[in-house]
Every structure is written in C-alpha cells, then in structure tokens.
C-alpha cells in the first residue's frame, strides 16, 4: 500500500513539474512574441541598443564601457575624462586582437573572412 502511495505522489510531482515547465515555456514565448514585430513595418518595443554585441562587450570589458561613456562628451584631452579615454584606447590597442573578435569571426591563419591578410 505504501508503494502505491509513493508511486502516486511521484506521478503527481512529475505532472506538476511538467505543467510548470510548460507554463514557463508559454510565458517566455508570449514575452518573445510581444517584443517582436508581427507585421511588416511594425517596430519593436525592445531597445535595439541593448541587444547588440557591443552592448554585451561593453558590460564585460571596462575599456569598451569607458569609451562608450566618454566619447559622446565634449571634453579636453587633458581633463580626467580625456585621460581616461586615452588609457582605455591604449589598453584596447595593446590587447590580443583575437579577444575582440567573436569566435565565429576570428581570423584563421591571420586572414579575415574575406581571405585578406591581417596584421597583428
């Protein structure tokens, strides 16, 4: 009798988990559909600036973030922000260039995807 109850409880728990998984999937799908256009010419509600590759790298690479924040400003090069921008640009130039490429776009044998030779 106890085994029957355990089986029943396990079955009910599995069913609850399947229902929860299905509900999460449905909610996520609905959010996705609402954020993307349904008709040609309709605009999206999401901000395209937050979905770009640069926006992602900006958050994980301090130099990118500093440049994105400072370059729109009109400041003198000798100011604190100007020096910070120069340091960020210098750091970017000194980095290994394979870091700034997406893995699918990394140069192969120092040639870009259009087969032209690239310098380090």
PDB file of N, CA and C in Angstrom:
ATOM      1  N   UNK A   1       0.814  -1.190   0.000  1.00  0.00           N
ATOM      2  CA  UNK A   1       0.000   0.000   0.000  1.00  0.00           C
ATOM      3  C   UNK A   1       0.862   1.262   0.000  1.00  0.00           C
ATOM      4  N   UNK A   2       1.969   1.240   0.755  1.00  0.00           N
ATOM      5  CA  UNK A   2       2.836   2.412   0.843  1.00  0.00           C
ATOM      6  C   UNK A   2       3.503   2.687  -0.507  1.00  0.00           C
ATOM      7  N   UNK A   3       3.849   1.597  -1.220  1.00  0.00           N
ATOM      8  CA  UNK A   3       4.470   1.777  -2.531  1.00  0.00           C
ATOM      9  C   UNK A   3       3.499   2.405  -3.516  1.00  0.00           C
ATOM     10  N   UNK A   4       2.251   2.054  -3.423  1.00  0.00           N
ATOM     11  CA  UNK A   4       1.236   2.646  -4.304  1.00  0.00           C
ATOM     12  C   UNK A   4       1.120   4.146  -4.056  1.00  0.00           C
ATOM     13  N   UNK A   5       1.151   4.539  -2.787  1.00  0.00           N
ATOM     14  CA  UNK A   5       1.060   5.963  -2.443  1.00  0.00           C
ATOM     15  C   UNK A   5       2.305   6.717  -2.915  1.00  0.00           C
ATOM     16  N   UNK A   6       3.475   6.094  -2.752  1.00  0.00           N
ATOM     17  CA  UNK A   6       4.711   6.720  -3.219  1.00  0.00           C
ATOM     18  C   UNK A   6       4.688   6.907  -4.735  1.00  0.00           C
ATOM     19  N   UNK A   7       4.238   5.880  -5.451  1.00  0.00           N
ATOM     20  CA  UNK A   7       4.131   5.983  -6.902  1.00  0.00           C
ATOM     21  C   UNK A   7       3.172   7.097  -7.298  1.00  0.00           C
ATOM     22  N   UNK A   8       2.067   7.160  -6.584  1.00  0.00           N
ATOM     23  CA  UNK A   8       1.066   8.202  -6.881  1.00  0.00           C
ATOM     24  C   UNK A   8       1.649   9.598  -6.620  1.00  0.00           C
ATOM     25  N   UNK A   9       2.367   9.767  -5.503  1.00  0.00           N
ATOM     26  CA  UNK A   9       2.986  11.058  -5.182  1.00  0.00           C
ATOM     27  C   UNK A   9       4.042  11.439  -6.228  1.00  0.00           C
ATOM     28  N   UNK A  10       4.863  10.462  -6.634  1.00  0.00           N
ATOM     29  CA  UNK A  10       5.865  10.727  -7.664  1.00  0.00           C
ATOM     30  C   UNK A  10       5.207  11.128  -8.986  1.00  0.00           C
ATOM     31  N   UNK A  11       4.136  10.420  -9.335  1.00  0.00           N
ATOM     32  CA  UNK A  11       3.413  10.742 -10.562  1.00  0.00           C
ATOM     33  C   UNK A  11       2.849  12.160 -10.499  1.00  0.00           C
ATOM     34  N   UNK A  12       2.257  12.521  -9.368  1.00  0.00           N
ATOM     35  CA  UNK A  12       1.693  13.864  -9.221  1.00  0.00           C
ATOM     36  C   UNK A  12       2.784  14.938  -9.255  1.00  0.00           C
ATOM     37  N   UNK A  13       3.926  14.663  -8.631  1.00  0.00           N
ATOM     38  CA  UNK A  13       5.032  15.620  -8.642  1.00  0.00           C
ATOM     39  C   UNK A  13       5.574  15.801 -10.066  1.00  0.00           C
ATOM     40  N   UNK A  14       5.718  14.700 -10.797  1.00  0.00           N
ATOM     41  CA  UNK A  14       6.167  14.793 -12.183  1.00  0.00           C
ATOM     42  C   UNK A  14       5.184  15.603 -13.021  1.00  0.00           C
ATOM     43  N   UNK A  15       3.928  15.371 -12.790  1.00  0.00           N
ATOM     44  CA  UNK A  15       2.900  16.103 -13.538  1.00  0.00           C
ATOM     45  C   UNK A  15       2.938  17.594 -13.214  1.00  0.00           C
ATOM     46  N   UNK A  16       3.121  17.934 -11.929  1.00  0.00           N
ATOM     47  CA  UNK A  16       3.230  19.347 -11.537  1.00  0.00           C
ATOM     48  C   UNK A  16       4.449  19.998 -12.191  1.00  0.00           C
ATOM     49  N   UNK A  17       5.578  19.272 -12.203  1.00  0.00           N
ATOM     50  CA  UNK A  17       6.787  19.809 -12.823  1.00  0.00           C
ATOM     51  C   UNK A  17       6.616  19.998 -14.330  1.00  0.00           C
ATOM     52  N   UNK A  18       5.979  19.030 -14.995  1.00  0.00           N
ATOM     53  CA  UNK A  18       5.718  19.179 -16.428  1.00  0.00           C
ATOM     54  C   UNK A  18       4.817  20.374 -16.702  1.00  0.00           C
ATOM     55  N   UNK A  19       3.791  20.547 -15.872  1.00  0.00           N
ATOM     56  CA  UNK A  19       2.891  21.691 -16.039  1.00  0.00           C
ATOM     57  C   UNK A  19       3.626  23.004 -15.812  1.00  0.00           C
ATOM     58  N   UNK A  20       4.498  23.046 -14.809  1.00  0.00           N
ATOM     59  CA  UNK A  20       5.259  24.263 -14.518  1.00  0.00           C
ATOM     60  C   UNK A  20       6.218  24.581 -15.673  1.00  0.00           C
ATOM     61  N   UNK A  21       6.884  23.547 -16.188  1.00  0.00           N
ATOM     62  CA  UNK A  21       7.789  23.728 -17.318  1.00  0.00           C
ATOM     63  C   UNK A  21       7.026  24.255 -18.533  1.00  0.00           C
ATOM     64  N   UNK A  22       5.873  23.686 -18.793  1.00  0.00           N
ATOM     65  CA  UNK A  22       5.054  24.135 -19.917  1.00  0.00           C
ATOM     66  C   UNK A  22       4.607  25.582 -19.721  1.00  0.00           C
ATOM     67  N   UNK A  23       4.242  25.941 -18.494  1.00  0.00           N
ATOM     68  CA  UNK A  23       3.807  27.308 -18.207  1.00  0.00           C
ATOM     69  C   UNK A  23       4.960  28.299 -18.403  1.00  0.00           C
ATOM     70  N   UNK A  24       6.161  27.947 -17.935  1.00  0.00           N
ATOM     71  CA  UNK A  24       7.331  28.811 -18.135  1.00  0.00           C
ATOM     72  C   UNK A  24       7.634  28.991 -19.620  1.00  0.00           C
ATOM     73  N   UNK A  25       7.546  27.905 -20.368  1.00  0.00           N
ATOM     74  CA  UNK A  25       7.774  27.980 -21.807  1.00  0.00           C
ATOM     75  C   UNK A  25       6.740  28.888 -22.468  1.00  0.00           C
ATOM     76  N   UNK A  26       5.493  28.730 -22.100  1.00  0.00           N
ATOM     77  CA  UNK A  26       4.420  29.543 -22.675  1.00  0.00           C
ATOM     78  C   UNK A  26       4.608  31.016 -22.344  1.00  0.00           C
ATOM     79  N   UNK A  27       4.971  31.313 -21.096  1.00  0.00           N
ATOM     80  CA  UNK A  27       5.190  32.710 -20.696  1.00  0.00           C
ATOM     81  C   UNK A  27       6.354  33.331 -21.466  1.00  0.00           C
ATOM     82  N   UNK A  28       7.448  32.586 -21.593  1.00  0.00           N
ATOM     83  CA  UNK A  28       8.613  33.088 -22.316  1.00  0.00           C
ATOM     84  C   UNK A  28       8.286  33.306 -23.789  1.00  0.00           C
ATOM     85  N   UNK A  29       7.571  32.375 -24.385  1.00  0.00           N
ATOM     86  CA  UNK A  29       7.170  32.517 -25.781  1.00  0.00           C
ATOM     87  C   UNK A  29       6.284  33.740 -25.973  1.00  0.00           C
ATOM     88  N   UNK A  30       5.370  33.961 -25.055  1.00  0.00           N
ATOM     89  CA  UNK A  30       4.482  35.118 -25.148  1.00  0.00           C
ATOM     90  C   UNK A  30       5.272  36.422 -25.039  1.00  0.00           C
ATOM     91  N   UNK A  31       6.230  36.487 -24.111  1.00  0.00           N
ATOM     92  CA  UNK A  31       7.075  37.681 -23.983  1.00  0.00           C
ATOM     93  C   UNK A  31       7.870  37.920 -25.265  1.00  0.00           C
ATOM     94  N   UNK A  32       8.399  36.847 -25.836  1.00  0.00           N
ATOM     95  CA  UNK A  32       9.167  36.970 -27.071  1.00  0.00           C
ATOM     96  C   UNK A  32       8.290  37.480 -28.207  1.00  0.00           C
ATOM     97  N   UNK A  33       7.107  36.915 -28.333  1.00  0.00           N
ATOM     98  CA  UNK A  33       6.207  37.328 -29.405  1.00  0.00           C
ATOM     99  C   UNK A  33       5.758  38.773 -29.244  1.00  0.00           C
ATOM    100  N   UNK A  34       5.565  39.215 -28.016  1.00  0.00           N
ATOM    101  CA  UNK A  34       5.147  40.594 -27.787  1.00  0.00           C
ATOM    102  C   UNK A  34       6.269  41.581 -28.083  1.00  0.00           C
ATOM    103  N   UNK A  35       7.518  41.156 -27.931  1.00  0.00           N
ATOM    104  CA  UNK A  35       8.642  42.069 -28.139  1.00  0.00           C
ATOM    105  C   UNK A  35       9.117  42.110 -29.588  1.00  0.00           C
ATOM    106  N   UNK A  36       8.579  41.274 -30.452  1.00  0.00           N
ATOM    107  CA  UNK A  36       8.981  41.261 -31.856  1.00  0.00           C
ATOM    108  C   UNK A  36       7.806  41.670 -32.739  1.00  0.00           C
ATOM    109  N   UNK A  37       8.101  42.319 -33.850  1.00  0.00           N
ATOM    110  CA  UNK A  37       7.013  42.780 -34.716  1.00  0.00           C
ATOM    111  C   UNK A  37       6.245  41.607 -35.318  1.00  0.00           C
ATOM    112  N   UNK A  38       4.960  41.841 -35.500  1.00  0.00           N
ATOM    113  CA  UNK A  38       4.110  40.802 -36.076  1.00  0.00           C
ATOM    114  C   UNK A  38       3.775  41.100 -37.532  1.00  0.00           C
ATOM    115  N   UNK A  39       3.837  42.364 -37.909  1.00  0.00           N
ATOM    116  CA  UNK A  39       3.513  42.759 -39.275  1.00  0.00           C
ATOM    117  C   UNK A  39       4.700  43.505 -39.874  1.00  0.00           C
ATOM    118  N   UNK A  40       4.851  43.442 -41.194  1.00  0.00           N
ATOM    119  CA  UNK A  40       5.938  44.211 -41.820  1.00  0.00           C
ATOM    120  C   UNK A  40       5.778  45.699 -41.534  1.00  0.00           C
ATOM    121  N   UNK A  41       6.866  46.326 -41.183  1.00  0.00           N
ATOM    122  CA  UNK A  41       6.833  47.753 -40.901  1.00  0.00           C
ATOM    123  C   UNK A  41       6.546  48.099 -39.458  1.00  0.00           C
ATOM    124  N   UNK A  42       6.113  47.150 -38.661  1.00  0.00           N
ATOM    125  CA  UNK A  42       5.826  47.410 -37.253  1.00  0.00           C
ATOM    126  C   UNK A  42       7.135  47.435 -36.479  1.00  0.00           C
ATOM    127  N   UNK A  43       7.261  48.350 -35.568  1.00  0.00           N
ATOM    128  CA  UNK A  43       8.501  48.467 -34.805  1.00  0.00           C
ATOM    129  C   UNK A  43       8.435  47.621 -33.545  1.00  0.00           C
ATOM    130  N   UNK A  44       9.615  47.304 -33.018  1.00  0.00           N
ATOM    131  CA  UNK A  44       9.693  46.513 -31.796  1.00  0.00           C
ATOM    132  C   UNK A  44       9.624  47.414 -30.584  1.00  0.00           C
ATOM    133  N   UNK A  45       9.283  46.809 -29.460  1.00  0.00           N
ATOM    134  CA  UNK A  45       9.243  47.552 -28.205  1.00  0.00           C
ATOM    135  C   UNK A  45      10.569  47.487 -27.464  1.00  0.00           C
ATOM    136  N   UNK A  46      11.454  46.578 -27.886  1.00  0.00           N
ATOM    137  CA  UNK A  46      12.745  46.463 -27.207  1.00  0.00           C
ATOM    138  C   UNK A  46      13.704  47.507 -27.754  1.00  0.00           C
ATOM    139  N   UNK A  47      14.617  47.904 -26.930  1.00  0.00           N
ATOM    140  CA  UNK A  47      15.618  48.880 -27.326  1.00  0.00           C
ATOM    141  C   UNK A  47      16.733  48.146 -28.066  1.00  0.00           C
ATOM    142  N   UNK A  48      16.961  48.436 -29.350  1.00  0.00           N
ATOM    143  CA  UNK A  48      17.986  47.691 -30.088  1.00  0.00           C
ATOM    144  C   UNK A  48      19.390  47.909 -29.537  1.00  0.00           C
ATOM    145  N   UNK A  49      19.601  49.006 -28.828  1.00  0.00           N
ATOM    146  CA  UNK A  49      20.928  49.261 -28.269  1.00  0.00           C
ATOM    147  C   UNK A  49      21.291  48.240 -27.201  1.00  0.00           C
ATOM    148  N   UNK A  50      20.311  47.644 -26.558  1.00  0.00           N
ATOM    149  CA  UNK A  50      20.603  46.667 -25.510  1.00  0.00           C
ATOM    150  C   UNK A  50      20.764  45.262 -26.058  1.00  0.00           C
ATOM    151  N   UNK A  51      20.506  45.056 -27.343  1.00  0.00           N
ATOM    152  CA  UNK A  51      20.620  43.710 -27.894  1.00  0.00           C
ATOM    153  C   UNK A  51      21.805  43.565 -28.838  1.00  0.00           C
ATOM    154  N   UNK A  52      22.683  44.539 -28.896  1.00  0.00           N
ATOM    155  CA  UNK A  52      23.829  44.464 -29.792  1.00  0.00           C
ATOM    156  C   UNK A  52      25.010  43.776 -29.113  1.00  0.00           C
ATOM    157  N   UNK A  53      25.937  43.326 -29.945  1.00  0.00           N
ATOM    158  CA  UNK A  53      27.131  42.677 -29.426  1.00  0.00           C
ATOM    159  C   UNK A  53      27.972  43.670 -28.625  1.00  0.00           C
ATOM    160  N   UNK A  54      28.026  44.932 -29.089  1.00  0.00           N
ATOM    161  CA  UNK A  54      28.802  45.935 -28.365  1.00  0.00           C
ATOM    162  C   UNK A  54      28.232  46.163 -26.972  1.00  0.00           C
ATOM    163  N   UNK A  55      26.908  46.171 -26.854  1.00  0.00           N
ATOM    164  CA  UNK A  55      26.301  46.373 -25.539  1.00  0.00           C
ATOM    165  C   UNK A  55      26.740  45.262 -24.583  1.00  0.00           C
ATOM    166  N   UNK A  56      26.815  44.036 -25.106  1.00  0.00           N
ATOM    167  CA  UNK A  56      27.267  42.916 -24.279  1.00  0.00           C
ATOM    168  C   UNK A  56      28.730  43.091 -23.883  1.00  0.00           C
ATOM    169  N   UNK A  57      29.596  43.380 -24.873  1.00  0.00           N
ATOM    170  CA  UNK A  57      31.019  43.515 -24.558  1.00  0.00           C
ATOM    171  C   UNK A  57      31.279  44.735 -23.694  1.00  0.00           C
ATOM    172  N   UNK A  58      30.445  45.738 -23.834  1.00  0.00           N
ATOM    173  CA  UNK A  58      30.616  46.937 -23.017  1.00  0.00           C
ATOM    174  C   UNK A  58      30.515  46.598 -21.536  1.00  0.00           C
ATOM    175  N   UNK A  59      29.624  45.687 -21.207  1.00  0.00           N
ATOM    176  CA  UNK A  59      29.431  45.329 -19.805  1.00  0.00           C
ATOM    177  C   UNK A  59      30.557  44.477 -19.252  1.00  0.00           C
ATOM    178  N   UNK A  60      31.228  43.721 -20.117  1.00  0.00           N
ATOM    179  CA  UNK A  60      32.272  42.830 -19.605  1.00  0.00           C
ATOM    180  C   UNK A  60      33.680  43.350 -19.855  1.00  0.00           C
ATOM    181  N   UNK A  61      33.826  44.356 -20.702  1.00  0.00           N
ATOM    182  CA  UNK A  61      35.152  44.927 -20.982  1.00  0.00           C
ATOM    183  C   UNK A  61      35.139  46.383 -20.555  1.00  0.00           C
ATOM    184  N   UNK A  62      35.903  46.673 -19.532  1.00  0.00           N
ATOM    185  CA  UNK A  62      35.883  48.013 -18.951  1.00  0.00           C
ATOM    186  C   UNK A  62      36.307  49.090 -19.940  1.00  0.00           C
ATOM    187  N   UNK A  63      37.237  48.760 -20.835  1.00  0.00           N
ATOM    188  CA  UNK A  63      37.698  49.754 -21.804  1.00  0.00           C
ATOM    189  C   UNK A  63      36.572  50.163 -22.749  1.00  0.00           C
ATOM    190  N   UNK A  64      35.802  49.179 -23.205  1.00  0.00           N
ATOM    191  CA  UNK A  64      34.670  49.487 -24.091  1.00  0.00           C
ATOM    192  C   UNK A  64      33.656  50.364 -23.369  1.00  0.00           C
ATOM    193  N   UNK A  65      33.397  50.034 -22.125  1.00  0.00           N
ATOM    194  CA  UNK A  65      32.428  50.803 -21.348  1.00  0.00           C
ATOM    195  C   UNK A  65      32.907  52.239 -21.154  1.00  0.00           C
ATOM    196  N   UNK A  66      34.179  52.397 -20.844  1.00  0.00           N
ATOM    197  CA  UNK A  66      34.719  53.745 -20.637  1.00  0.00           C
ATOM    198  C   UNK A  66      34.621  54.572 -21.915  1.00  0.00           C
ATOM    199  N   UNK A  67      34.977  53.982 -23.045  1.00  0.00           N
ATOM    200  CA  UNK A  67      34.903  54.721 -24.309  1.00  0.00           C
ATOM    201  C   UNK A  67      33.463  55.052 -24.689  1.00  0.00           C
ATOM    202  N   UNK A  68      32.555  54.117 -24.483  1.00  0.00           N
ATOM    203  CA  UNK A  68      31.153  54.379 -24.814  1.00  0.00           C
ATOM    204  C   UNK A  68      30.582  55.490 -23.951  1.00  0.00           C
ATOM    205  N   UNK A  69      31.083  55.614 -22.752  1.00  0.00           N
ATOM    206  CA  UNK A  69      30.593  56.654 -21.846  1.00  0.00           C
ATOM    207  C   UNK A  69      31.250  58.005 -22.133  1.00  0.00           C
ATOM    208  N   UNK A  70      32.537  58.000 -22.485  1.00  0.00           N
ATOM    209  CA  UNK A  70      33.299  59.248 -22.595  1.00  0.00           C
ATOM    210  C   UNK A  70      33.232  59.876 -23.994  1.00  0.00           C
ATOM    211  N   UNK A  71      33.284  59.070 -25.049  1.00  0.00           N
ATOM    212  CA  UNK A  71      33.391  59.631 -26.397  1.00  0.00           C
ATOM    213  C   UNK A  71      32.259  60.586 -26.780  1.00  0.00           C
ATOM    214  N   UNK A  72      31.024  60.381 -26.361  1.00  0.00           N
ATOM    215  CA  UNK A  72      29.990  61.366 -26.709  1.00  0.00           C
ATOM    216  C   UNK A  72      30.172  62.717 -26.012  1.00  0.00           C
ATOM    217  N   UNK A  73      30.984  62.772 -24.969  1.00  0.00           N
ATOM    218  CA  UNK A  73      31.203  64.030 -24.247  1.00  0.00           C
ATOM    219  C   UNK A  73      32.152  64.929 -25.033  1.00  0.00           C
ATOM    220  N   UNK A  74      31.996  66.223 -24.861  1.00  0.00           N
ATOM    221  CA  UNK A  74      32.971  67.148 -25.455  1.00  0.00           C
ATOM    222  C   UNK A  74      33.858  67.654 -24.321  1.00  0.00           C
ATOM    223  N   UNK A  75      34.965  66.939 -24.113  1.00  0.00           N
ATOM    224  CA  UNK A  75      35.895  67.285 -23.036  1.00  0.00           C
ATOM    225  C   UNK A  75      37.292  67.447 -23.626  1.00  0.00           C
ATOM    226  N   UNK A  76      38.137  68.128 -22.898  1.00  0.00           N
ATOM    227  CA  UNK A  76      39.533  68.306 -23.299  1.00  0.00           C
ATOM    228  C   UNK A  76      40.299  67.002 -23.076  1.00  0.00           C
ATOM    229  N   UNK A  77      41.314  66.770 -23.898  1.00  0.00           N
ATOM    230  CA  UNK A  77      42.130  65.569 -23.729  1.00  0.00           C
ATOM    231  C   UNK A  77      42.874  65.563 -22.401  1.00  0.00           C
ATOM    232  N   UNK A  78      43.177  66.735 -21.885  1.00  0.00           N
ATOM    233  CA  UNK A  78      43.925  66.808 -20.631  1.00  0.00           C
ATOM    234  C   UNK A  78      43.030  66.709 -19.402  1.00  0.00           C
ATOM    235  N   UNK A  79      41.734  66.671 -19.611  1.00  0.00           N
ATOM    236  CA  UNK A  79      40.834  66.524 -18.464  1.00  0.00           C
ATOM    237  C   UNK A  79      40.887  65.082 -17.964  1.00  0.00           C
ATOM    238  N   UNK A  80      40.261  64.847 -16.823  1.00  0.00           N
ATOM    239  CA  UNK A  80      40.249  63.498 -16.250  1.00  0.00           C
ATOM    240  C   UNK A  80      39.602  62.513 -17.222  1.00  0.00           C
ATOM    241  N   UNK A  81      38.466  62.902 -17.820  1.00  0.00           N
ATOM    242  CA  UNK A  81      37.768  62.018 -18.758  1.00  0.00           C
ATOM    243  C   UNK A  81      38.597  61.779 -20.021  1.00  0.00           C
ATOM    244  N   UNK A  82      39.261  62.826 -20.504  1.00  0.00           N
ATOM    245  CA  UNK A  82      40.101  62.684 -21.694  1.00  0.00           C
ATOM    246  C   UNK A  82      41.244  61.714 -21.471  1.00  0.00           C
ATOM    247  N   UNK A  83      41.894  61.843 -20.317  1.00  0.00           N
ATOM    248  CA  UNK A  83      42.988  60.913 -19.993  1.00  0.00           C
ATOM    249  C   UNK A  83      42.458  59.492 -19.830  1.00  0.00           C
ATOM    250  N   UNK A  84      41.281  59.365 -19.234  1.00  0.00           N
ATOM    251  CA  UNK A  84      40.676  58.034 -19.072  1.00  0.00           C
ATOM    252  C   UNK A  84      40.378  57.409 -20.438  1.00  0.00           C
ATOM    253  N   UNK A  85      39.886  58.214 -21.381  1.00  0.00           N
ATOM    254  CA  UNK A  85      39.620  57.711 -22.734  1.00  0.00           C
ATOM    255  C   UNK A  85      40.910  57.277 -23.418  1.00  0.00           C
ATOM    256  N   UNK A  86      41.965  58.063 -23.263  1.00  0.00           N
ATOM    257  CA  UNK A  86      43.251  57.694 -23.860  1.00  0.00           C
ATOM    258  C   UNK A  86      43.795  56.399 -23.271  1.00  0.00           C
ATOM    259  N   UNK A  87      43.677  56.242 -21.965  1.00  0.00           N
ATOM    260  CA  UNK A  87      44.123  54.998 -21.322  1.00  0.00           C
ATOM    261  C   UNK A  87      43.301  53.811 -21.821  1.00  0.00           C
ATOM    262  N   UNK A  88      41.999  54.004 -21.985  1.00  0.00           N
ATOM    263  CA  UNK A  88      41.140  52.923 -22.475  1.00  0.00           C
ATOM    264  C   UNK A  88      41.516  52.552 -23.907  1.00  0.00           C
ATOM    265  N   UNK A  89      41.755  53.547 -24.756  1.00  0.00           N
ATOM    266  CA  UNK A  89      42.151  53.274 -26.143  1.00  0.00           C
ATOM    267  C   UNK A  89      43.502  52.574 -26.199  1.00  0.00           C
ATOM    268  N   UNK A  90      44.423  52.998 -25.346  1.00  0.00           N
ATOM    269  CA  UNK A  90      45.737  52.361 -25.302  1.00  0.00           C
ATOM    270  C   UNK A  90      45.606  50.905 -24.857  1.00  0.00           C
ATOM    271  N   UNK A  91      44.770  50.658 -23.862  1.00  0.00           N
ATOM    272  CA  UNK A  91      44.564  49.286 -23.386  1.00  0.00           C
ATOM    273  C   UNK A  91      43.948  48.420 -24.478  1.00  0.00           C
ATOM    274  N   UNK A  92      43.003  48.966 -25.235  1.00  0.00           N
ATOM    275  CA  UNK A  92      42.398  48.203 -26.327  1.00  0.00           C
ATOM    276  C   UNK A  92      43.419  47.878 -27.413  1.00  0.00           C
ATOM    277  N   UNK A  93      44.295  48.823 -27.710  1.00  0.00           N
ATOM    278  CA  UNK A  93      45.308  48.590 -28.747  1.00  0.00           C
ATOM    279  C   UNK A  93      46.337  47.550 -28.312  1.00  0.00           C
ATOM    280  N   UNK A  94      46.607  47.453 -27.031  1.00  0.00           N
ATOM    281  CA  UNK A  94      47.608  46.508 -26.533  1.00  0.00           C
ATOM    282  C   UNK A  94      47.056  45.096 -26.367  1.00  0.00           C
ATOM    283  N   UNK A  95      45.734  44.952 -26.368  1.00  0.00           N
ATOM    284  CA  UNK A  95      45.143  43.631 -26.168  1.00  0.00           C
ATOM    285  C   UNK A  95      45.415  42.731 -27.364  1.00  0.00           C
ATOM    286  N   UNK A  96      45.381  41.432 -27.104  1.00  0.00           N
ATOM    287  CA  UNK A  96      45.480  40.457 -28.184  1.00  0.00           C
ATOM    288  C   UNK A  96      44.221  40.597 -29.026  1.00  0.00           C
ATOM    289  N   UNK A  97      44.382  40.744 -30.341  1.00  0.00           N
ATOM    290  CA  UNK A  97      43.230  41.056 -31.187  1.00  0.00           C
ATOM    291  C   UNK A  97      42.230  39.918 -31.274  1.00  0.00           C
ATOM    292  N   UNK A  98      42.615  38.694 -30.936  1.00  0.00           N
ATOM    293  CA  UNK A  98      41.652  37.600 -31.011  1.00  0.00           C
ATOM    294  C   UNK A  98      40.573  37.738 -29.953  1.00  0.00           C
ATOM    295  N   UNK A  99      40.825  38.553 -28.917  1.00  0.00           N
ATOM    296  CA  UNK A  99      39.843  38.732 -27.850  1.00  0.00           C
ATOM    297  C   UNK A  99      38.654  39.546 -28.332  1.00  0.00           C
ATOM    298  N   UNK A 100      38.891  40.523 -29.197  1.00  0.00           N
ATOM    299  CA  UNK A 100      37.812  41.413 -29.592  1.00  0.00           C
ATOM    300  C   UNK A 100      36.942  40.839 -30.696  1.00  0.00           C
ATOM    301  N   UNK A 101      37.320  39.718 -31.289  1.00  0.00           N
ATOM    302  CA  UNK A 101      36.504  39.102 -32.320  1.00  0.00           C
ATOM    303  C   UNK A 101      35.530  38.113 -31.705  1.00  0.00           C
ATOM    304  N   UNK A 102      34.404  37.953 -32.341  1.00  0.00           N
ATOM    305  CA  UNK A 102      33.536  36.837 -31.980  1.00  0.00           C
ATOM    306  C   UNK A 102      34.261  35.572 -32.411  1.00  0.00           C
ATOM    307  N   UNK A 103      33.968  34.481 -31.743  1.00  0.00           N
ATOM    308  CA  UNK A 103      34.681  33.250 -32.084  1.00  0.00           C
ATOM    309  C   UNK A 103      34.421  32.841 -33.525  1.00  0.00           C
ATOM    310  N   UNK A 104      33.246  33.113 -34.045  1.00  0.00           N
ATOM    311  CA  UNK A 104      32.955  32.742 -35.427  1.00  0.00           C
ATOM    312  C   UNK A 104      33.647  33.657 -36.424  1.00  0.00           C
ATOM    313  N   UNK A 105      34.115  34.821 -35.979  1.00  0.00           N
ATOM    314  CA  UNK A 105      34.761  35.775 -36.882  1.00  0.00           C
ATOM    315  C   UNK A 105      36.256  35.917 -36.625  1.00  0.00           C
ATOM    316  N   UNK A 106      36.825  35.066 -35.792  1.00  0.00           N
ATOM    317  CA  UNK A 106      38.253  35.152 -35.522  1.00  0.00           C
ATOM    318  C   UNK A 106      39.038  34.884 -36.793  1.00  0.00           C
ATOM    319  N   UNK A 107      40.157  35.584 -36.969  1.00  0.00           N
ATOM    320  CA  UNK A 107      40.964  35.347 -38.168  1.00  0.00           C
ATOM    321  C   UNK A 107      41.572  33.946 -38.141  1.00  0.00           C
ATOM    322  N   UNK A 108      41.603  33.318 -39.299  1.00  0.00           N
ATOM    323  CA  UNK A 108      42.211  31.994 -39.433  1.00  0.00           C
ATOM    324  C   UNK A 108      43.505  32.187 -40.207  1.00  0.00           C
ATOM    325  N   UNK A 109      44.613  31.778 -39.630  1.00  0.00           N
ATOM    326  CA  UNK A 109      45.941  31.999 -40.214  1.00  0.00           C
ATOM    327  C   UNK A 109      46.158  33.475 -40.522  1.00  0.00           C
ATOM    328  N   UNK A 110      45.688  34.336 -39.667  1.00  0.00           N
ATOM    329  CA  UNK A 110      45.776  35.792 -39.781  1.00  0.00           C
ATOM    330  C   UNK A 110      45.165  36.311 -41.079  1.00  0.00           C
ATOM    331  N   UNK A 111      44.086  35.643 -41.516  1.00  0.00           N
ATOM    332  CA  UNK A 111      43.320  36.130 -42.662  1.00  0.00           C
ATOM    333  C   UNK A 111      41.885  36.341 -42.193  1.00  0.00           C
ATOM    334  N   UNK A 112      41.278  37.427 -42.645  1.00  0.00           N
ATOM    335  CA  UNK A 112      39.892  37.691 -42.254  1.00  0.00           C
ATOM    336  C   UNK A 112      38.970  36.788 -43.066  1.00  0.00           C
ATOM    337  N   UNK A 113      37.672  36.900 -42.840  1.00  0.00           N
ATOM    338  CA  UNK A 113      36.736  36.013 -43.525  1.00  0.00           C
ATOM    339  C   UNK A 113      36.701  36.267 -45.028  1.00  0.00           C
ATOM    340  N   UNK A 114      37.192  37.424 -45.472  1.00  0.00           N
ATOM    341  CA  UNK A 114      37.255  37.708 -46.915  1.00  0.00           C
ATOM    342  C   UNK A 114      38.599  37.267 -47.502  1.00  0.00           C
ATOM    343  N   UNK A 115      39.383  36.520 -46.744  1.00  0.00           N
ATOM    344  CA  UNK A 115      40.657  35.916 -47.163  1.00  0.00           C
ATOM    345  C   UNK A 115      41.790  36.921 -47.352  1.00  0.00           C
ATOM    346  N   UNK A 116      41.648  38.133 -46.830  1.00  0.00           N
ATOM    347  CA  UNK A 116      42.733  39.107 -46.919  1.00  0.00           C
ATOM    348  C   UNK A 116      43.627  38.972 -45.694  1.00  0.00           C
ATOM    349  N   UNK A 117      44.919  39.126 -45.915  1.00  0.00           N
ATOM    350  CA  UNK A 117      45.893  39.016 -44.837  1.00  0.00           C
ATOM    351  C   UNK A 117      45.688  40.137 -43.821  1.00  0.00           C
ATOM    352  N   UNK A 118      45.793  39.812 -42.533  1.00  0.00           N
ATOM    353  CA  UNK A 118      45.642  40.807 -41.472  1.00  0.00           C
ATOM    354  C   UNK A 118      46.953  40.916 -40.714  1.00  0.00           C
ATOM    355  N   UNK A 119      47.289  42.116 -40.289  1.00  0.00           N
ATOM    356  CA  UNK A 119      48.457  42.326 -39.441  1.00  0.00           C
ATOM    357  C   UNK A 119      48.008  42.300 -37.997  1.00  0.00           C
ATOM    358  N   UNK A 120      48.932  41.945 -37.107  1.00  0.00           N
ATOM    359  CA  UNK A 120      48.591  41.903 -35.679  1.00  0.00           C
ATOM    360  C   UNK A 120      48.290  43.256 -35.145  1.00  0.00           C
TER     361      UNK A 120
END
